[in-house]
């Protein structure tokens, strides 16, 4: 009898141990997902703000009828509490401007003294600077400086990383796919000791919102060394900007699925895309569904909720049953 009691006690304590371990594992997983959620949301909104500055500044550039002759590119970056967009050109090496900058003239004789310019970065000239104070990217809040100037050391660095990303894309077109109806755009983001260049597929039509066709390249800032590259979605998903559900739906929801090597959670590029196209889309919510988790992003308040896909499917079944019952009652 005592042996049996001992045996039962052992089983009991073992079950308690398993239960406690299961609770701790679940709690750890929850905390991990919450941390990832906060990081993704923060990164997604930051990426959205930078791309919005690119788009807004580009629109303003054309609206002001500034010359596009010789313009090599533009990018946006954060400078304290201000977002700046710069446009630049490169000095033609066969021009008088190049010769004047490339050599120092001896003051008295005008004789060419020593060569001055040595790096290609020295040839870049900032033609226009668009500034948005307090990160408020609107056409009303812009300050445009039209005077040409030399780029700062930081601007040269950001231009270099942008250029490196485009070189990387051109070298490996099998990995970086440009889908029909889209154009690949590189956006460098300062992450502290590293620079993350997001590459996204910009749609050439307002009829569809593109999800996927996106990547990131991670570089060491100091060494300018590529340490990681990743394809965020294994395909491109085009969703109509018009809502295709019922007009009576309480909430207008669209979704896409993450399969295969795609991340378990929504990506920063997904969030940036939703916010960038917010003004032209017809829906209120977007769901990203993977095997493990479902992410629910509401556009009006930029809230992100993460639940298990099992729970999500259970809630959808309950909703479908409720709607079925309501339909039956309405027929009587």
Protein backbone atom coordinates (compact mmCIF):
# COMPACT_ATOMS: atom_id res chain seq x y z
CA UNK A 1 0.00 0.00 0.00
CA UNK A 2 2.83 2.37 0.89
CA UNK A 3 4.62 1.53 -2.39
CA UNK A 4 1.45 2.34 -4.33
CA UNK A 5 1.06 5.62 -2.43
CA UNK A 6 4.70 6.51 -3.16
CA UNK A 7 4.19 5.67 -6.82
CA UNK A 8 1.04 7.84 -6.99
CA UNK A 9 2.87 10.74 -5.28
CA UNK A 10 5.70 10.50 -7.82
CA UNK A 11 3.23 10.63 -10.70
CA UNK A 12 1.44 13.58 -9.08
CA UNK A 13 4.66 15.59 -8.63
CA UNK A 14 5.81 14.68 -12.12
CA UNK A 15 2.53 15.98 -13.57
CA UNK A 16 2.87 19.21 -11.57
CA UNK A 17 6.42 19.58 -12.92
CA UNK A 18 5.24 19.09 -16.50
CA UNK A 19 2.37 21.56 -15.96
CA UNK A 20 4.73 24.20 -14.50
CA UNK A 21 7.22 23.68 -17.32
CA UNK A 22 4.43 23.99 -19.89
CA UNK A 23 3.23 27.24 -18.26
CA UNK A 24 6.75 28.68 -18.22
CA UNK A 25 7.31 27.70 -21.87
CA UNK A 26 4.00 29.28 -22.86
CA UNK A 27 4.80 32.46 -20.90
CA UNK A 28 8.24 32.69 -22.52
CA UNK A 29 6.72 32.22 -26.00
CA UNK A 30 4.11 34.92 -25.26
CA UNK A 31 6.79 37.39 -24.12
CA UNK A 32 8.91 36.59 -27.18
CA UNK A 33 5.98 37.24 -29.53
CA UNK A 34 5.10 40.49 -27.71
CA UNK A 35 8.70 41.70 -28.06
CA UNK A 36 8.78 40.80 -31.77
CA UNK A 37 5.40 42.49 -32.27
CA UNK A 38 6.64 45.77 -30.75
CA UNK A 39 9.82 45.67 -32.84
CA UNK A 40 7.96 44.92 -36.09
CA UNK A 41 5.39 47.64 -35.46
CA UNK A 42 8.06 50.24 -34.62
CA UNK A 43 10.19 49.28 -37.62
CA UNK A 44 7.16 49.21 -39.93
CA UNK A 45 6.02 52.71 -38.95
CA UNK A 46 9.60 54.05 -39.26
CA UNK A 47 9.92 52.50 -42.73
CA UNK A 48 6.53 53.93 -43.72
CA UNK A 49 7.60 57.43 -42.63
CA UNK A 50 10.83 57.27 -44.66
CA UNK A 51 9.08 55.98 -47.80
CA UNK A 52 6.31 58.58 -47.34
CA UNK A 53 8.99 61.30 -47.26
CA UNK A 54 10.45 59.86 -50.48
CA UNK A 55 7.06 59.88 -52.20
CA UNK A 56 6.00 63.32 -50.91
CA UNK A 57 9.34 64.94 -51.79
CA UNK A 58 9.31 63.36 -55.24
CA UNK A 59 5.79 64.75 -55.86
CA UNK A 60 6.90 68.19 -54.68
CA UNK A 61 10.00 68.04 -56.86
CA UNK A 62 7.84 67.64 -59.97
CA UNK A 63 5.15 70.07 -58.78
CA UNK A 64 7.83 72.77 -58.40
CA UNK A 65 9.16 71.89 -61.87
CA UNK A 66 12.71 71.47 -60.64
CA UNK A 67 15.14 70.23 -63.27
CA UNK A 68 15.56 66.45 -63.40
CA UNK A 69 18.58 66.69 -65.68
CA UNK A 70 21.51 64.77 -64.22
CA UNK A 71 19.65 63.68 -61.05
CA UNK A 72 21.08 60.35 -59.90
CA UNK A 73 18.82 59.57 -56.97
CA UNK A 74 17.11 60.60 -53.76
CA UNK A 75 16.74 59.22 -50.25
CA UNK A 76 15.30 60.18 -46.88
CA UNK A 77 16.82 59.92 -43.42
CA UNK A 78 16.14 61.01 -39.86
CA UNK A 79 18.12 63.94 -38.46
CA UNK A 80 17.17 64.34 -34.76
CA UNK A 81 13.44 65.23 -34.83
CA UNK A 82 13.47 66.15 -38.53
CA UNK A 83 13.08 63.96 -41.59
CA UNK A 84 15.14 65.04 -44.58
CA UNK A 85 15.00 64.04 -48.24
CA UNK A 86 17.96 64.82 -50.46
CA UNK A 87 18.25 64.76 -54.26
CA UNK A 88 21.70 64.61 -55.82
CA UNK A 89 23.56 64.77 -59.10
CA UNK A 90 27.09 63.80 -60.05
CA UNK A 91 29.61 66.14 -61.61
CA UNK A 92 30.50 65.20 -65.20
CA UNK A 93 34.21 64.37 -65.27
CA UNK A 94 34.56 65.97 -68.70
CA UNK A 95 33.04 69.27 -67.58
CA UNK A 96 34.69 72.58 -66.68
CA UNK A 97 33.07 72.22 -63.24
CA UNK A 98 35.00 68.99 -62.67
CA UNK A 99 38.28 70.54 -63.78
CA UNK A 100 37.73 73.53 -61.51
CA UNK A 101 37.02 71.30 -58.51
CA UNK A 102 39.56 68.63 -59.37
CA UNK A 103 42.59 70.88 -59.29
CA UNK A 104 43.70 73.64 -56.98
CA UNK A 105 44.94 76.73 -58.82
CA UNK A 106 48.12 78.43 -57.63
CA UNK A 107 46.94 81.82 -56.38
CA UNK A 108 49.51 83.98 -58.15
CA UNK A 109 50.15 82.25 -61.47
CA UNK A 110 46.95 80.33 -62.12
CA UNK A 111 49.10 77.27 -62.82
CA UNK A 112 47.45 73.94 -62.06
CA UNK A 113 48.88 72.77 -58.76
CA UNK A 114 47.75 69.48 -57.22
CA UNK A 115 44.87 67.11 -57.85
CA UNK A 116 42.11 67.58 -55.28
CA UNK A 117 39.25 65.16 -55.99
CA UNK A 118 40.03 61.50 -55.55
CA UNK A 119 36.80 59.71 -54.61
CA UNK A 120 33.61 59.29 -56.60
CA UNK A 121 31.69 60.46 -53.51
CA UNK A 122 33.31 63.85 -53.94
CA UNK A 123 31.54 64.16 -57.30
CA UNK A 124 28.08 64.03 -55.72
CA UNK A 125 26.32 67.34 -55.19
CA UNK A 126 23.10 67.78 -53.20
CA UNK A 127 20.75 69.75 -55.47
CA UNK A 128 17.64 70.01 -53.26
CA UNK A 129 16.92 69.35 -49.57
CA UNK A 130 13.37 68.79 -48.27
CA UNK A 131 12.92 68.99 -44.49
CA UNK A 132 9.91 67.90 -42.39
CA UNK A 133 10.08 69.06 -38.78
CA UNK A 134 8.80 66.84 -35.97
CA UNK A 135 8.66 63.93 -38.47
CA UNK A 136 5.39 65.38 -39.80
CA UNK A 137 5.57 64.46 -43.49
CA UNK A 138 3.05 66.68 -45.26
CA UNK A 139 3.31 69.11 -48.16
CA UNK A 140 2.25 71.94 -45.84
CA UNK A 141 5.02 71.18 -43.37
CA UNK A 142 7.90 71.04 -45.85
CA UNK A 143 10.88 73.41 -46.00
CA UNK A 144 12.71 73.25 -49.35
CA UNK A 145 16.31 74.41 -49.67
CA UNK A 146 17.14 74.89 -53.34
CA UNK A 147 20.81 75.85 -52.97
CA UNK A 148 23.33 73.25 -54.07
CA UNK A 149 25.79 72.04 -51.45
CA UNK A 150 28.29 69.32 -50.70
CA UNK A 151 26.87 66.22 -48.97
CA UNK A 152 27.63 65.67 -45.30
CA UNK A 153 29.68 62.63 -44.23
CA UNK A 154 26.46 60.97 -43.01
CA UNK A 155 24.68 61.62 -46.31
CA UNK A 156 27.61 60.16 -48.25
CA UNK A 157 27.38 57.02 -46.09
CA UNK A 158 23.63 56.63 -46.68
CA UNK A 159 24.04 57.22 -50.44
CA UNK A 160 26.81 54.60 -50.50
CA UNK A 161 24.62 51.96 -48.80
CA UNK A 162 21.76 52.72 -51.18
CA UNK A 163 24.11 52.35 -54.13
CA UNK A 164 25.52 49.09 -52.72
CA UNK A 165 22.00 47.66 -52.42
CA UNK A 166 21.16 48.50 -56.04
CA UNK A 167 24.47 46.93 -57.16
CA UNK A 168 23.56 43.81 -55.15
CA UNK A 169 20.15 43.65 -56.87
CA UNK A 170 21.67 44.00 -60.35
CA UNK A 171 24.22 41.25 -59.60
CA UNK A 172 21.61 38.67 -58.52
CA UNK A 173 18.36 39.09 -60.48
CA UNK A 174 17.51 35.43 -59.75
CA UNK A 175 17.17 36.27 -56.04
CA UNK A 176 15.78 39.82 -56.33
CA UNK A 177 12.73 39.43 -58.56
CA UNK A 178 11.06 42.46 -60.15
CA UNK A 179 7.51 41.37 -60.82
CA UNK A 180 5.34 42.67 -63.64
CA UNK A 181 3.52 45.88 -62.69
CA UNK A 182 6.04 46.73 -59.94
CA UNK A 183 9.42 48.41 -59.52
CA UNK A 184 11.99 47.48 -56.87
CA UNK A 185 12.98 50.35 -54.56
CA UNK A 186 15.83 50.38 -52.00
CA UNK A 187 15.39 52.24 -48.70
CA UNK A 188 18.36 52.44 -46.29
CA UNK A 189 17.43 52.62 -42.59
CA UNK A 190 19.95 53.43 -39.84
CA UNK A 191 19.78 50.72 -37.14
CA UNK A 192 22.66 51.99 -34.97
CA UNK A 193 25.71 49.80 -35.57
CA UNK A 194 24.12 48.39 -38.70
CA UNK A 195 22.33 49.67 -41.80
CA UNK A 196 19.29 47.75 -42.94
CA UNK A 197 18.28 48.34 -46.55
CA UNK A 198 14.68 47.38 -47.20
CA UNK A 199 13.78 46.55 -50.79
CA UNK A 200 10.10 46.70 -51.64
CA UNK A 201 7.96 46.32 -54.76
CA UNK A 202 6.20 49.59 -55.58
CA UNK A 203 3.04 49.13 -57.61
CA UNK A 204 2.73 51.05 -60.87
CA UNK A 205 -1.09 50.93 -60.54
CA UNK A 206 -3.43 52.25 -57.84
CA UNK A 207 -5.88 49.39 -58.51
CA UNK A 208 -3.82 46.90 -56.54
CA UNK A 209 -1.83 46.86 -53.29
CA UNK A 210 1.36 44.75 -53.49
CA UNK A 211 2.38 42.49 -50.61
CA UNK A 212 5.59 40.53 -51.03
CA UNK A 213 8.33 40.92 -53.58
CA UNK A 214 10.32 42.37 -50.68
CA UNK A 215 13.71 41.81 -49.10
CA UNK A 216 16.20 43.27 -46.68
CA UNK A 217 19.99 43.50 -46.78
CA UNK A 218 21.86 44.03 -43.52
CA UNK A 219 25.26 45.73 -43.54
CA UNK A 220 27.81 46.49 -40.84
CA UNK A 221 27.90 50.27 -40.74
CA UNK A 222 31.60 50.75 -40.02
CA UNK A 223 32.99 48.00 -42.25
CA UNK A 224 30.33 48.40 -44.98
CA UNK A 225 30.13 44.62 -45.06
CA UNK A 226 27.04 42.63 -46.08
CA UNK A 227 26.17 40.30 -43.19
CA UNK A 228 22.69 39.07 -44.13
CA UNK A 229 20.14 39.19 -46.88
CA UNK A 230 16.62 37.81 -46.72
CA UNK A 231 13.58 37.37 -48.92
CA UNK A 232 10.59 38.30 -46.73
CA UNK A 233 7.85 36.73 -48.88
CA UNK A 234 8.32 33.88 -51.33
CA UNK A 235 5.99 35.50 -53.88
CA UNK A 236 4.07 38.68 -54.63
CA UNK A 237 0.41 39.04 -53.67
CA UNK A 238 -1.69 41.69 -55.41
CA UNK A 239 -4.87 42.63 -53.53
CA UNK A 240 -7.50 44.89 -55.05
CA UNK A 241 -7.69 48.31 -53.42
CA UNK A 242 -11.49 47.92 -53.63
CA UNK A 243 -13.17 45.77 -50.96
CA UNK A 244 -14.60 42.60 -52.53
CA UNK A 245 -16.67 41.45 -49.54
CA UNK A 246 -20.26 42.27 -48.57
CA UNK A 247 -21.29 45.91 -48.23
CA UNK A 248 -23.03 44.94 -44.96
CA UNK A 249 -19.83 43.62 -43.35
CA UNK A 250 -19.23 45.29 -39.99
CA UNK A 251 -15.49 45.35 -40.67
CA UNK A 252 -13.91 45.30 -44.12
CA UNK A 253 -11.10 42.76 -43.90
CA UNK A 254 -8.49 41.51 -46.35
CA UNK A 255 -5.76 38.98 -45.72
CA UNK A 256 -2.73 37.23 -47.09
CA UNK A 257 -0.90 34.11 -45.94
CA UNK A 258 2.71 33.53 -44.97
CA UNK A 259 3.81 30.11 -46.20
CA UNK A 260 7.12 28.28 -46.54
CA UNK A 261 10.10 30.45 -45.62
CA UNK A 262 8.00 33.58 -45.02
CA UNK A 263 8.06 34.86 -41.39
CA UNK A 264 5.52 33.64 -38.84
CA UNK A 265 4.46 37.25 -38.13
CA UNK A 266 3.53 40.26 -40.22
CA UNK A 267 6.59 42.06 -41.66
CA UNK A 268 7.62 45.75 -41.35
CA UNK A 269 7.14 45.97 -45.13
CA UNK A 270 3.55 44.71 -44.76
CA UNK A 271 2.82 47.46 -42.22
CA UNK A 272 4.55 50.15 -44.31
CA UNK A 273 2.58 49.06 -47.40
CA UNK A 274 -0.75 49.18 -45.56
CA UNK A 275 -0.08 52.70 -44.27
CA UNK A 276 1.27 53.98 -47.60
CA UNK A 277 -1.82 52.81 -49.50
CA UNK A 278 -4.25 53.66 -46.71
CA UNK A 279 -5.74 56.66 -48.58
CA UNK A 280 -6.72 54.61 -51.64
CA UNK A 281 -7.89 51.34 -50.09
CA UNK A 282 -11.40 50.40 -49.15
CA UNK A 283 -10.70 48.21 -46.13
CA UNK A 284 -10.35 48.67 -42.36
CA UNK A 285 -8.26 45.66 -41.34
CA UNK A 286 -5.67 43.37 -42.80
CA UNK A 287 -4.86 39.89 -41.47
CA UNK A 288 -1.59 38.01 -42.01
CA UNK A 289 -2.04 34.29 -41.42
CA UNK A 290 0.77 31.78 -40.87
CA UNK A 291 0.64 28.21 -39.53
CA UNK A 292 1.37 29.36 -35.97
CA UNK A 293 0.09 32.94 -35.65
CA UNK A 294 -2.41 35.38 -37.12
CA UNK A 295 -1.63 39.09 -37.05
CA UNK A 296 -4.50 41.60 -37.15
CA UNK A 297 -3.56 45.15 -38.17
CA UNK A 298 -6.17 47.92 -37.98
CA UNK A 299 -5.44 50.87 -40.23
CA UNK A 300 -7.36 53.58 -38.37
CA UNK A 301 -5.38 53.31 -35.12
CA UNK A 302 -2.26 51.39 -36.30
CA UNK A 303 -2.89 48.67 -33.72
CA UNK A 304 -1.36 45.23 -34.14
CA UNK A 305 -2.78 42.17 -32.38
CA UNK A 306 -1.28 38.70 -32.54
CA UNK A 307 -3.26 35.56 -31.72
CA UNK A 308 -2.70 31.87 -32.45
CA UNK A 309 -4.03 30.71 -35.80
CA UNK A 310 -5.96 27.94 -33.98
CA UNK A 311 -7.80 30.59 -31.95
CA UNK A 312 -8.33 32.70 -35.10
CA UNK A 313 -9.89 29.74 -36.95
CA UNK A 314 -12.06 28.93 -33.92
CA UNK A 315 -13.34 32.54 -33.79
CA UNK A 316 -14.08 32.48 -37.52
CA UNK A 317 -16.09 29.26 -37.16
CA UNK A 318 -18.11 30.77 -34.30
CA UNK A 319 -18.73 33.89 -36.40
CA UNK A 320 -19.86 31.80 -39.40
CA UNK A 321 -22.28 29.80 -37.20
CA UNK A 322 -23.67 32.99 -35.66
CA UNK A 323 -24.24 34.53 -39.10
CA UNK A 324 -25.94 31.32 -40.25
CA UNK A 325 -28.31 31.41 -37.27
CA UNK A 326 -29.05 35.10 -37.82
CA UNK A 327 -29.85 34.40 -41.47
CA UNK A 328 -32.25 31.60 -40.46
CA UNK A 329 -34.03 33.87 -37.98
CA UNK A 330 -34.38 36.65 -40.56
CA UNK A 331 -36.19 34.25 -42.91
CA UNK A 332 -38.91 33.49 -40.32
